[in-house]
C-alpha atoms as a PDB file:
ATOM      1  CA  MET A   1       0.014   0.159  -0.107  1.00  0.00           C
ATOM      2  CA  LYS A   2       1.293   3.355  -0.968  1.00  0.00           C
ATOM      3  CA  LEU A   3       0.652   6.294   1.374  1.00  0.00           C
ATOM      4  CA  ASN A   4       0.637   9.953   0.390  1.00  0.00           C
ATOM      5  CA  ARG A   5       2.473  11.376   3.225  1.00  0.00           C
ATOM      6  CA  LEU A   6       1.118  14.812   3.079  1.00  0.00           C
ATOM      7  CA  GLU A   7      -2.289  13.425   3.310  1.00  0.00           C
ATOM      8  CA  THR A   8      -1.835  11.263   6.325  1.00  0.00           C
ATOM      9  CA  HIS A   9      -0.085  14.230   8.115  1.00  0.00           C
ATOM     10  CA  ASP A  10      -3.178  16.531   7.089  1.00  0.00           C
ATOM     11  CA  ARG A  11      -5.560  13.478   8.573  1.00  0.00           C
ATOM     12  CA  LEU A  12      -3.125  13.408  11.673  1.00  0.00           C
ATOM     13  CA  LEU A  13      -3.372  17.106  12.393  1.00  0.00           C
ATOM     14  CA  GLU A  14      -7.139  17.204  11.919  1.00  0.00           C
ATOM     15  CA  PHE A  15      -7.501  14.191  14.237  1.00  0.00           C
ATOM     16  CA  LYS A  16      -5.273  16.179  16.981  1.00  0.00           C
ATOM     17  CA  LYS A  17      -7.509  19.416  16.742  1.00  0.00           C
ATOM     18  CA  GLN A  18     -10.591  16.989  17.302  1.00  0.00           C
ATOM     19  CA  ALA A  19      -9.138  16.174  20.655  1.00  0.00           C
ATOM     20  CA  ASP A  20      -8.959  19.997  21.555  1.00  0.00           C
ATOM     21  CA  TYR A  21     -12.368  20.275  20.341  1.00  0.00           C
ATOM     22  CA  ILE A  22     -13.414  17.599  22.629  1.00  0.00           C
ATOM     23  CA  THR A  23     -11.340  19.053  25.659  1.00  0.00           C
ATOM     24  CA  GLN A  24     -12.918  22.331  25.176  1.00  0.00           C
ATOM     25  CA  GLY A  25     -16.604  20.990  25.097  1.00  0.00           C
ATOM     26  CA  CYS A  26     -16.337  19.178  28.367  1.00  0.00           C
ATOM     27  CA  GLU A  27     -14.555  22.180  29.937  1.00  0.00           C
ATOM     28  CA  ASP A  28     -17.386  24.317  28.514  1.00  0.00           C
ATOM     29  CA  CYS A  29     -19.965  21.983  30.025  1.00  0.00           C
ATOM     30  CA  ILE A  30     -18.314  21.644  33.376  1.00  0.00           C
ATOM     31  CA  ASN A  31     -18.194  25.529  33.842  1.00  0.00           C
ATOM     32  CA  LYS A  32     -21.871  26.023  32.770  1.00  0.00           C
ATOM     33  CA  ARG A  33     -23.557  23.124  34.566  1.00  0.00           C
ATOM     34  CA  PRO A  34     -26.522  24.164  36.667  1.00  0.00           C
ATOM     35  CA  ARG A  35     -25.754  25.308  40.049  1.00  0.00           C
ATOM     36  CA  GLU A  36     -28.051  22.719  41.444  1.00  0.00           C
ATOM     37  CA  PHE A  37     -25.777  20.158  40.458  1.00  0.00           C
ATOM     38  CA  LYS A  38     -23.289  20.999  43.420  1.00  0.00           C
ATOM     39  CA  ASP A  39     -20.728  18.884  44.084  1.00  0.00           C
ATOM     40  CA  HIS A  40     -22.347  15.544  42.548  1.00  0.00           C
ATOM     41  CA  PRO A  41     -20.531  13.786  39.726  1.00  0.00           C
ATOM     42  CA  PHE A  42     -22.237  14.149  36.688  1.00  0.00           C
ATOM     43  CA  TYR A  43     -22.128  12.814  33.124  1.00  0.00           C
ATOM     44  CA  ILE A  44     -21.402  14.858  29.891  1.00  0.00           C
ATOM     45  CA  TYR A  45     -23.079  13.559  27.049  1.00  0.00           C
ATOM     46  CA  ALA A  46     -22.149  14.884  23.631  1.00  0.00           C
ATOM     47  CA  HIS A  47     -24.043  13.642  20.430  1.00  0.00           C
ATOM     48  CA  ALA A  48     -24.004  14.730  16.882  1.00  0.00           C
ATOM     49  CA  ARG A  49     -26.984  16.111  15.261  1.00  0.00           C
ATOM     50  CA  THR A  50     -27.828  17.126  11.623  1.00  0.00           C
ATOM     51  CA  ASP A  51     -28.525  20.867  11.273  1.00  0.00           C
ATOM     52  CA  ASP A  52     -31.477  22.194   9.317  1.00  0.00           C
ATOM     53  CA  ASP A  53     -29.674  22.353   6.165  1.00  0.00           C
ATOM     54  CA  GLY A  54     -29.591  18.579   6.313  1.00  0.00           C
ATOM     55  CA  ILE A  55     -25.752  18.405   5.524  1.00  0.00           C
ATOM     56  CA  SER A  56     -23.873  19.872   8.339  1.00  0.00           C
ATOM     57  CA  LYS A  57     -23.665  18.273  11.556  1.00  0.00           C
ATOM     58  CA  ARG A  58     -23.002  19.910  15.107  1.00  0.00           C
ATOM     59  CA  LEU A  59     -22.219  18.131  18.712  1.00  0.00           C
ATOM     60  CA  ILE A  60     -24.574  18.910  21.323  1.00  0.00           C
ATOM     61  CA  TRP A  61     -23.031  19.145  24.815  1.00  0.00           C
ATOM     62  CA  GLN A  62     -25.186  18.217  27.447  1.00  0.00           C
ATOM     63  CA  PRO A  63     -24.632  17.879  31.159  1.00  0.00           C
ATOM     64  CA  ARG A  64     -26.733  15.196  32.884  1.00  0.00           C
ATOM     65  CA  LEU A  65     -27.391  13.464  36.271  1.00  0.00           C
ATOM     66  CA  SER A  66     -28.560  10.119  34.579  1.00  0.00           C
ATOM     67  CA  LYS A  67     -26.629   7.868  32.141  1.00  0.00           C
ATOM     68  CA  PRO A  68     -27.890   7.972  28.621  1.00  0.00           C
ATOM     69  CA  LYS A  69     -28.515   5.266  26.370  1.00  0.00           C
ATOM     70  CA  PRO A  70     -25.368   4.352  24.435  1.00  0.00           C
ATOM     71  CA  GLU A  71     -25.588   5.541  20.785  1.00  0.00           C
ATOM     72  CA  THR A  72     -23.303   5.603  17.641  1.00  0.00           C
ATOM     73  CA  ASN A  73     -22.052   9.356  16.956  1.00  0.00           C
ATOM     74  CA  SER A  74     -21.716  10.070  20.811  1.00  0.00           C
ATOM     75  CA  MET A  75     -19.375  10.306  23.425  1.00  0.00           C
ATOM     76  CA  LEU A  76     -19.807  10.188  27.428  1.00  0.00           C
ATOM     77  CA  PHE A  77     -17.829  11.619  30.168  1.00  0.00           C
ATOM     78  CA  ARG A  78     -18.456  11.470  33.970  1.00  0.00           C
ATOM     79  CA  HIS A  79     -17.178  14.596  35.708  1.00  0.00           C
ATOM     80  CA  TYR A  80     -16.401  14.557  39.591  1.00  0.00           C
ATOM     81  CA  PRO A  81     -16.550  18.168  40.826  1.00  0.00           C
ATOM     82  CA  LYS A  82     -14.753  17.374  44.324  1.00  0.00           C
ATOM     83  CA  THR A  83     -11.592  15.988  42.590  1.00  0.00           C
ATOM     84  CA  GLY A  84     -11.869  17.844  39.245  1.00  0.00           C
ATOM     85  CA  GLU A  85     -11.412  14.459  37.362  1.00  0.00           C
ATOM     86  CA  THR A  86     -13.261  13.737  33.948  1.00  0.00           C
ATOM     87  CA  LYS A  87     -13.601  10.009  33.091  1.00  0.00           C
ATOM     88  CA  ILE A  88     -14.140   8.859  29.689  1.00  0.00           C
ATOM     89  CA  MET A  89     -16.982   6.505  29.759  1.00  0.00           C
ATOM     90  CA  TRP A  90     -17.363   5.875  25.906  1.00  0.00           C
ATOM     91  CA  MET A  91     -16.478   7.596  22.558  1.00  0.00           C
ATOM     92  CA  ILE A  92     -18.471   5.656  19.844  1.00  0.00           C
ATOM     93  CA  PRO A  93     -18.362   7.338  16.356  1.00  0.00           C
ATOM     94  CA  GLU A  94     -20.546   6.455  13.603  1.00  0.00           C
ATOM     95  CA  PRO A  95     -20.211   2.804  12.111  1.00  0.00           C
ATOM     96  CA  HIS A  96     -18.933   3.906   8.730  1.00  0.00           C
ATOM     97  CA  LEU A  97     -15.860   5.279  10.475  1.00  0.00           C
ATOM     98  CA  TRP A  98     -15.135   2.049  12.887  1.00  0.00           C
ATOM     99  CA  PRO A  99     -12.262   0.767  10.742  1.00  0.00           C
ATOM    100  CA  GLN A 100     -10.285   4.272  10.554  1.00  0.00           C
ATOM    101  CA  TYR A 101      -9.569   3.562  14.741  1.00  0.00           C
ATOM    102  CA  LYS A 102      -8.114   0.092  14.254  1.00  0.00           C
ATOM    103  CA  LEU A 103      -4.873  -1.062  15.525  1.00  0.00           C
ATOM    104  CA  GLY A 104      -2.105   0.095  13.413  1.00  0.00           C
ATOM    105  CA  ASN A 105      -3.842   2.871  11.801  1.00  0.00           C
ATOM    106  CA  VAL A 106      -2.586   6.443  12.100  1.00  0.00           C
ATOM    107  CA  THR A 107      -5.891   7.365  13.849  1.00  0.00           C
ATOM    108  CA  GLU A 108      -5.643   4.280  16.141  1.00  0.00           C
ATOM    109  CA  ASN A 109      -7.156   5.001  19.296  1.00  0.00           C
ATOM    110  CA  ALA A 110      -7.767   2.496  22.212  1.00  0.00           C
ATOM    111  CA  ILE A 111     -10.615   4.053  23.603  1.00  0.00           C
ATOM    112  CA  VAL A 112     -12.751   4.277  20.988  1.00  0.00           C
ATOM    113  CA  LEU A 113     -11.602   0.615  19.778  1.00  0.00           C
ATOM    114  CA  GLU A 114     -12.803  -0.443  23.501  1.00  0.00           C
ATOM    115  CA  SER A 115     -16.058   1.613  23.087  1.00  0.00           C
ATOM    116  CA  ILE A 116     -16.898   0.118  19.746  1.00  0.00           C
ATOM    117  CA  HIS A 117     -16.114  -3.613  21.287  1.00  0.00           C
ATOM    118  CA  ASN A 118     -18.675  -2.845  24.226  1.00  0.00           C
ATOM    119  CA  PHE A 119     -21.175  -1.367  21.825  1.00  0.00           C
ATOM    120  CA  LYS A 120     -21.084  -4.395  19.795  1.00  0.00           C
ATOM    121  CA  ASN A 121     -20.729  -6.959  22.353  1.00  0.00           C
ATOM    122  CA  LYS A 122     -21.364  -5.621  25.982  1.00  0.00           C
ATOM    123  CA  MET A 123     -24.231  -3.092  25.708  1.00  0.00           C
ATOM    124  CA  LYS A 124     -25.237  -3.619  29.440  1.00  0.00           C
ATOM    125  CA  LEU A 125     -22.011  -2.843  30.540  1.00  0.00           C
ATOM    126  CA  LEU A 126     -22.265   0.534  28.879  1.00  0.00           C
ATOM    127  CA  SER A 127     -25.600   0.997  30.045  1.00  0.00           C
ATOM    128  CA  GLN A 128     -25.015  -0.002  33.384  1.00  0.00           C
ATOM    129  CA  LYS A 129     -25.503   2.511  36.439  1.00  0.00           C
ATOM    130  CA  GLU A 130     -22.400   3.627  38.149  1.00  0.00           C
ATOM    131  CA  ALA A 131     -21.918   2.950  41.822  1.00  0.00           C
ATOM    132  CA  ASP A 132     -21.972   6.523  42.767  1.00  0.00           C
ATOM    133  CA  ASP A 133     -25.262   7.505  40.526  1.00  0.00           C
ATOM    134  CA  LEU A 134     -28.011   9.090  42.372  1.00  0.00           C
ATOM    135  CA  ASP A 135     -31.257   7.561  42.794  1.00  0.00           C
ATOM    136  CA  ASP A 136     -33.895   8.706  40.552  1.00  0.00           C
ATOM    137  CA  TRP A 137     -35.811  10.340  43.209  1.00  0.00           C
ATOM    138  CA  GLN A 138     -32.822  12.404  44.033  1.00  0.00           C
ATOM    139  CA  ILE A 139     -32.266  13.293  40.176  1.00  0.00           C
ATOM    140  CA  ASP A 140     -36.042  14.309  39.855  1.00  0.00           C
ATOM    141  CA  ARG A 141     -35.764  16.568  42.657  1.00  0.00           C
ATOM    142  CA  ILE A 142     -32.578  18.126  41.368  1.00  0.00           C
ATOM    143  CA  TYR A 143     -34.098  18.785  37.911  1.00  0.00           C
ATOM    144  CA  THR A 144     -37.639  19.992  39.835  1.00  0.00           C
ATOM    145  CA  GLU A 145     -35.445  22.435  41.618  1.00  0.00           C
ATOM    146  CA  ILE A 146     -33.484  23.347  38.266  1.00  0.00           C
ATOM    147  CA  ALA A 147     -37.114  23.856  36.791  1.00  0.00           C
ATOM    148  CA  ASN A 148     -38.429  25.955  39.448  1.00  0.00           C
ATOM    149  CA  ASN A 149     -35.535  28.171  39.650  1.00  0.00           C
ATOM    150  CA  MET A 150     -35.709  28.776  35.761  1.00  0.00           C
ATOM    151  CA  GLN A 151     -39.329  29.933  36.254  1.00  0.00           C
ATOM    152  CA  SER A 152     -38.747  32.380  39.075  1.00  0.00           C
ATOM    153  CA  ARG A 153     -36.034  33.845  36.857  1.00  0.00           C
ATOM    154  CA  LEU A 154     -38.343  34.279  34.221  1.00  0.00           C
ATOM    155  CA  LYS A 155     -40.743  36.182  36.143  1.00  0.00           C
ATOM    156  CA  ILE A 156     -38.766  39.024  37.356  1.00  0.00           C
END
């Protein structure tokens, strides 16, 4: 197989830019999370959506207290405010991109490979609640508090 060095280099640079974009998306979500989350660990869910033009795609970044269902074209992180740590839960690209992350490729990525494997073979593992997840009633209480605070801010 003959490689075009310039094209390979350009792809590697683009791949590295994506990592910076992901870091910035997580940081923005952490900094803009609802104050009602307090110091509870929370999820940062990023999923792609197609714009109204039907062509362009954008990532939606969402802080959440509950774990979402695993989907292709999504990423999930878990942030721990008390320690400042953020853990990667999964990074699942679109299925047609999966071969690009395999071992030996310039864009090889162990986290993405593990996420793809778990998505295909261990869906329960990806969906499983974490030990420190809040109970459903606690989550509902916090979301109700957020909604009530939003309503009172809008009335002013």
